[in-house]
Amino acid sequence: MFRLLSKHVSKHSSKSASSRIFHMSSTANNEETVSMKNSVRLSLKNVLKSMSEDQIQRESQQICKAALGCPAISNASNLGLYVHCSRLREVDTSLILNSVLGAPGKRCYVPLVEDKDSNMKLLHIGSLSDLVAAPPFGILEPSRTYADGTPRQSVMEDDVHLDVLLMPGLGFDLQGRRLGRGGGYYDKMLVRLREAAAAAGKPAPLLVALSFSSQLLHEVPVGPFDQIVDLLILPDGIAQCSQRGREAYSASST
């Protein structure tokens, strides 16, 4: 149903490079889509397991430097950013976190999983010491309160306008389709962020995904609730996946 291919993506990103890419049929009903998603997830997890630690760190550094070099991201005042989990083989965001935390005029908001019903919030942190390990994977999440006991500022609950949200995932394609791990946490949160922004008369956050080269697919199977990202940052450059992404990237390059 799908196979590994080699393809250049230079026309979509700022540099030329080849990546391993899965190819699959673009016509599928919902049941087939769910089955395809599960099959691709399994394959991608195996691909990620095959990456060496040196490759993970090398590509993570390239991706983070590209993100920090993009003014649409580096000029953001309120930035949502995940903390990577090494067990899940995610792009290491340490370089971005260290750059953003404490920088003048910037506030960083990190995900906190609330329950098993795909609810997640984004809470403000001021330093890495604000993070605590959460089971079962030991993912670092914000504590619910500041050191003085007051609740942390929450993007959704305190009507914070988020400029940019950087997200992980299992697989992506150059049209901005994203394959998550199946929990639906980001898709559900993105709907809430868009609704809140629309109610406030403000633009929704620019959605940015970080991807190893081996996570790039020819086409990601998607369902009706899957959200499209605007920019996809790869080790070899930045893919502009949507009109919003192209406009943000072009404006930041002038």
Protein backbone atom coordinates (compact mmCIF):
# COMPACT_ATOMS: atom_id res chain seq x y z
CA MET A 1 0.00 0.00 0.00
CA PHE A 2 2.96 2.31 0.49
CA ARG A 3 6.65 2.18 -0.17
CA LEU A 4 9.83 4.11 0.48
CA LEU A 5 10.88 6.50 -2.26
CA SER A 6 13.62 9.05 -2.79
CA LYS A 7 12.66 12.54 -3.88
CA HIS A 8 14.16 16.03 -3.90
CA VAL A 9 12.24 18.77 -2.12
CA SER A 10 14.30 21.79 -3.17
CA LYS A 11 11.39 23.63 -4.80
CA HIS A 12 9.55 23.59 -1.49
CA SER A 13 12.39 24.39 0.89
CA SER A 14 15.29 26.78 1.06
CA LYS A 15 17.92 24.16 0.26
CA SER A 16 18.09 20.96 -1.76
CA ALA A 17 18.16 17.55 -0.15
CA SER A 18 16.75 14.07 -0.66
CA SER A 19 14.52 12.30 1.84
CA ARG A 20 12.96 8.91 2.32
CA ILE A 21 9.28 9.31 1.51
CA PHE A 22 6.26 7.02 1.86
CA HIS A 23 3.80 6.91 -1.01
CA MET A 24 0.17 5.94 -0.64
CA SER A 25 -3.13 6.23 -2.47
CA SER A 26 -4.84 9.62 -2.21
CA THR A 27 -8.36 8.14 -2.45
CA ALA A 28 -9.58 6.35 0.66
CA ASN A 29 -12.69 6.23 2.81
CA ASN A 30 -12.61 6.88 6.54
CA GLU A 31 -12.10 3.23 7.51
CA GLU A 32 -9.25 2.89 5.03
CA THR A 33 -7.75 6.15 6.25
CA VAL A 34 -7.72 4.94 9.86
CA SER A 35 -6.09 1.67 8.77
CA MET A 36 -3.52 3.52 6.67
CA LYS A 37 -2.72 5.88 9.53
CA ASN A 38 -2.05 3.00 11.89
CA SER A 39 0.14 1.22 9.34
CA VAL A 40 2.15 4.36 8.61
CA ARG A 41 2.51 5.13 12.32
CA LEU A 42 4.02 1.70 12.91
CA SER A 43 6.42 2.10 9.98
CA LEU A 44 7.48 5.57 11.08
CA LYS A 45 8.10 4.45 14.64
CA ASN A 46 10.44 1.78 13.28
CA VAL A 47 12.16 4.36 11.09
CA LEU A 48 12.68 6.64 14.09
CA LYS A 49 14.05 3.76 16.16
CA SER A 50 16.65 3.16 13.46
CA MET A 51 18.03 6.70 13.77
CA SER A 52 21.28 6.96 15.69
CA GLU A 53 21.62 9.43 18.56
CA ASP A 54 24.22 11.33 16.53
CA GLN A 55 21.78 11.70 13.64
CA ILE A 56 18.98 12.80 15.96
CA GLN A 57 21.15 15.47 17.56
CA ARG A 58 22.64 16.61 14.23
CA GLU A 59 19.26 17.00 12.53
CA SER A 60 17.71 18.54 15.65
CA GLN A 61 20.41 21.21 15.68
CA GLN A 62 19.83 21.94 11.98
CA ILE A 63 16.07 22.16 12.46
CA CYS A 64 16.29 24.41 15.52
CA LYS A 65 18.78 26.74 13.83
CA ALA A 66 16.46 27.02 10.82
CA ALA A 67 13.55 27.82 13.16
CA LEU A 68 15.50 30.48 15.05
CA GLY A 69 16.66 31.94 11.75
CA CYS A 70 13.08 32.42 10.55
CA PRO A 71 11.89 35.91 11.59
CA ALA A 72 8.26 34.75 11.60
CA ILE A 73 9.28 32.58 14.55
CA SER A 74 12.14 34.54 16.14
CA ASN A 75 10.07 37.77 16.18
CA ALA A 76 7.08 36.13 17.87
CA SER A 77 6.18 37.55 21.27
CA ASN A 78 4.03 34.67 22.51
CA LEU A 79 5.32 31.30 21.38
CA GLY A 80 3.93 27.83 22.02
CA LEU A 81 6.58 25.12 22.06
CA TYR A 82 6.68 21.45 22.99
CA VAL A 83 9.44 19.97 25.14
CA HIS A 84 10.87 16.97 23.29
CA CYS A 85 10.70 13.43 24.64
CA SER A 86 13.78 11.36 23.83
CA ARG A 87 11.85 8.10 24.29
CA LEU A 88 9.46 9.17 21.54
CA ARG A 89 12.37 10.14 19.26
CA GLU A 90 11.12 13.70 18.76
CA VAL A 91 13.10 16.63 17.38
CA ASP A 92 15.09 18.02 20.32
CA THR A 93 13.81 21.56 20.95
CA SER A 94 16.35 22.44 23.67
CA LEU A 95 18.12 25.02 21.50
CA ILE A 96 14.86 26.90 20.84
CA LEU A 97 13.76 26.69 24.46
CA ASN A 98 17.06 28.04 25.75
CA SER A 99 16.92 30.87 23.21
CA VAL A 100 13.35 31.89 23.97
CA LEU A 101 13.30 31.54 27.77
CA GLY A 102 14.37 34.76 29.38
CA ALA A 103 14.60 36.67 26.11
CA PRO A 104 13.24 40.24 26.41
CA GLY A 105 9.66 40.64 25.22
CA LYS A 106 9.02 36.91 24.80
CA ARG A 107 6.78 34.48 26.64
CA CYS A 108 6.93 30.72 26.18
CA TYR A 109 3.94 28.38 26.62
CA VAL A 110 4.39 24.62 26.94
CA PRO A 111 1.79 21.81 26.66
CA LEU A 112 0.26 20.14 29.71
CA VAL A 113 -1.90 17.07 29.14
CA GLU A 114 -5.05 17.38 31.25
CA ASP A 115 -6.73 13.99 30.82
CA LYS A 116 -7.22 11.01 28.53
CA ASP A 117 -9.98 12.77 26.55
CA SER A 118 -7.52 14.61 24.29
CA ASN A 119 -7.60 17.79 26.37
CA MET A 120 -4.37 19.75 26.59
CA LYS A 121 -3.54 23.29 27.67
CA LEU A 122 -0.57 25.59 27.10
CA LEU A 123 0.96 27.05 30.27
CA HIS A 124 3.54 29.78 30.65
CA ILE A 125 7.04 28.88 31.87
CA GLY A 126 9.88 31.22 32.70
CA SER A 127 12.68 28.68 33.01
CA LEU A 128 13.43 24.99 32.56
CA SER A 129 13.09 24.55 36.33
CA ASP A 130 9.34 25.10 35.88
CA LEU A 131 9.08 21.68 34.19
CA VAL A 132 8.36 18.35 35.86
CA ALA A 133 8.44 14.82 34.42
CA ALA A 134 5.01 13.32 33.74
CA PRO A 135 4.27 9.60 33.39
CA PRO A 136 4.32 7.31 31.49
CA PHE A 137 7.05 8.60 29.15
CA GLY A 138 8.65 11.14 31.46
CA ILE A 139 7.64 14.03 29.18
CA LEU A 140 8.53 17.35 30.79
CA GLU A 141 5.43 19.45 31.46
CA PRO A 142 4.82 22.68 33.36
CA SER A 143 3.79 22.44 36.98
CA ARG A 144 0.25 23.80 37.37
CA THR A 145 1.30 26.70 39.58
CA TYR A 146 4.15 29.18 39.89
CA ALA A 147 6.54 28.95 42.83
CA ASP A 148 4.28 31.27 44.87
CA GLY A 149 1.31 28.95 44.39
CA THR A 150 -0.64 31.05 41.90
CA PRO A 151 -1.95 29.26 38.77
CA ARG A 152 0.27 29.51 35.71
CA GLN A 153 -0.94 31.73 32.90
CA SER A 154 -2.87 29.61 30.39
CA VAL A 155 -3.23 30.51 26.71
CA MET A 156 -6.85 29.35 26.47
CA GLU A 157 -8.10 30.24 29.95
CA ASP A 158 -6.45 33.67 30.14
CA ASP A 159 -7.12 34.73 26.54
CA VAL A 160 -3.48 34.95 25.54
CA HIS A 161 -2.98 35.56 21.82
CA LEU A 162 -0.42 33.02 20.63
CA ASP A 163 1.67 34.16 17.65
CA VAL A 164 3.32 30.85 16.75
CA LEU A 165 2.88 27.22 17.79
CA LEU A 166 5.68 24.70 17.18
CA MET A 167 4.50 21.10 17.10
CA PRO A 168 5.91 17.58 16.93
CA GLY A 169 4.42 14.66 15.00
CA LEU A 170 5.17 11.28 13.50
CA GLY A 171 4.93 12.14 9.81
CA PHE A 172 4.36 15.10 7.53
CA ASP A 173 4.05 15.96 3.86
CA LEU A 174 4.86 19.11 1.90
CA GLN A 175 1.18 20.12 1.73
CA GLY A 176 1.20 20.58 5.51
CA ARG A 177 -0.65 17.41 6.42
CA ARG A 178 0.45 16.05 9.79
CA LEU A 179 0.24 12.55 11.24
CA GLY A 180 0.23 12.54 15.02
CA ARG A 181 0.40 9.62 17.42
CA GLY A 182 -3.35 9.08 17.45
CA GLY A 183 -4.37 10.85 20.66
CA GLY A 184 -5.93 13.87 18.96
CA TYR A 185 -4.55 16.29 21.55
CA TYR A 186 -3.09 18.83 19.14
CA ASP A 187 -6.02 18.69 16.71
CA LYS A 188 -8.50 19.36 19.51
CA MET A 189 -6.39 22.17 20.97
CA LEU A 190 -5.91 23.80 17.56
CA VAL A 191 -9.68 24.05 17.09
CA ARG A 192 -9.94 25.84 20.43
CA LEU A 193 -7.08 28.19 19.56
CA ARG A 194 -8.64 29.09 16.21
CA GLU A 195 -12.06 29.67 17.76
CA ALA A 196 -10.59 31.87 20.49
CA ALA A 197 -8.59 33.91 17.98
CA ALA A 198 -11.64 34.39 15.75
CA ALA A 199 -13.78 35.49 18.72
CA ALA A 200 -11.10 38.04 19.64
CA GLY A 201 -10.77 39.26 16.05
CA LYS A 202 -7.15 38.16 15.89
CA PRO A 203 -5.28 35.81 13.54
CA ALA A 204 -4.87 32.19 14.57
CA PRO A 205 -1.36 31.11 15.56
CA LEU A 206 1.08 30.32 12.77
CA LEU A 207 1.36 26.52 12.89
CA VAL A 208 4.89 25.18 12.52
CA ALA A 209 5.95 21.51 12.60
CA LEU A 210 9.46 20.20 13.20
CA SER A 211 10.44 17.08 11.26
CA PHE A 212 13.42 14.81 10.79
CA SER A 213 14.16 14.06 7.12
CA SER A 214 12.98 10.46 7.58
CA GLN A 215 9.53 11.67 8.73
CA LEU A 216 8.74 13.31 5.40
CA LEU A 217 6.01 11.46 3.51
CA HIS A 218 4.76 11.75 -0.06
CA GLU A 219 1.22 12.05 1.28
CA VAL A 220 -0.17 11.82 4.79
CA PRO A 221 -3.56 10.12 5.19
CA VAL A 222 -5.88 12.58 6.93
CA GLY A 223 -9.34 12.60 8.43
CA PRO A 224 -11.92 15.39 8.81
CA PHE A 225 -10.48 16.67 12.10
CA ASP A 226 -6.80 16.70 11.13
CA GLN A 227 -5.21 20.17 11.07
CA ILE A 228 -2.84 21.50 8.39
CA VAL A 229 0.43 23.18 9.38
CA ASP A 230 1.66 26.39 7.73
CA LEU A 231 5.41 25.75 7.82
CA LEU A 232 7.35 22.50 8.00
CA ILE A 233 10.93 22.81 9.20
CA LEU A 234 13.29 20.08 7.98
CA PRO A 235 17.06 19.71 8.41
CA ASP A 236 17.56 21.03 4.86
CA GLY A 237 15.17 23.99 4.95
CA ILE A 238 11.68 25.33 5.51
CA ALA A 239 8.71 24.14 3.45
CA GLN A 240 5.93 26.68 3.01
CA CYS A 241 2.85 24.48 3.15
CA SER A 242 -0.06 26.93 3.10
CA GLN A 243 -0.88 30.37 1.79
CA ARG A 244 -0.56 31.64 5.35
CA GLY A 245 2.85 30.00 5.59
CA ARG A 246 4.01 31.46 2.28
CA GLU A 247 2.86 34.94 3.29
CA ALA A 248 4.53 34.70 6.72
CA TYR A 249 7.76 33.36 5.24
CA SER A 250 7.85 35.97 2.46
CA ALA A 251 7.12 38.82 4.86
CA SER A 252 9.87 37.67 7.20
CA SER A 253 12.36 37.41 4.35
CA THR A 254 11.96 41.00 3.18
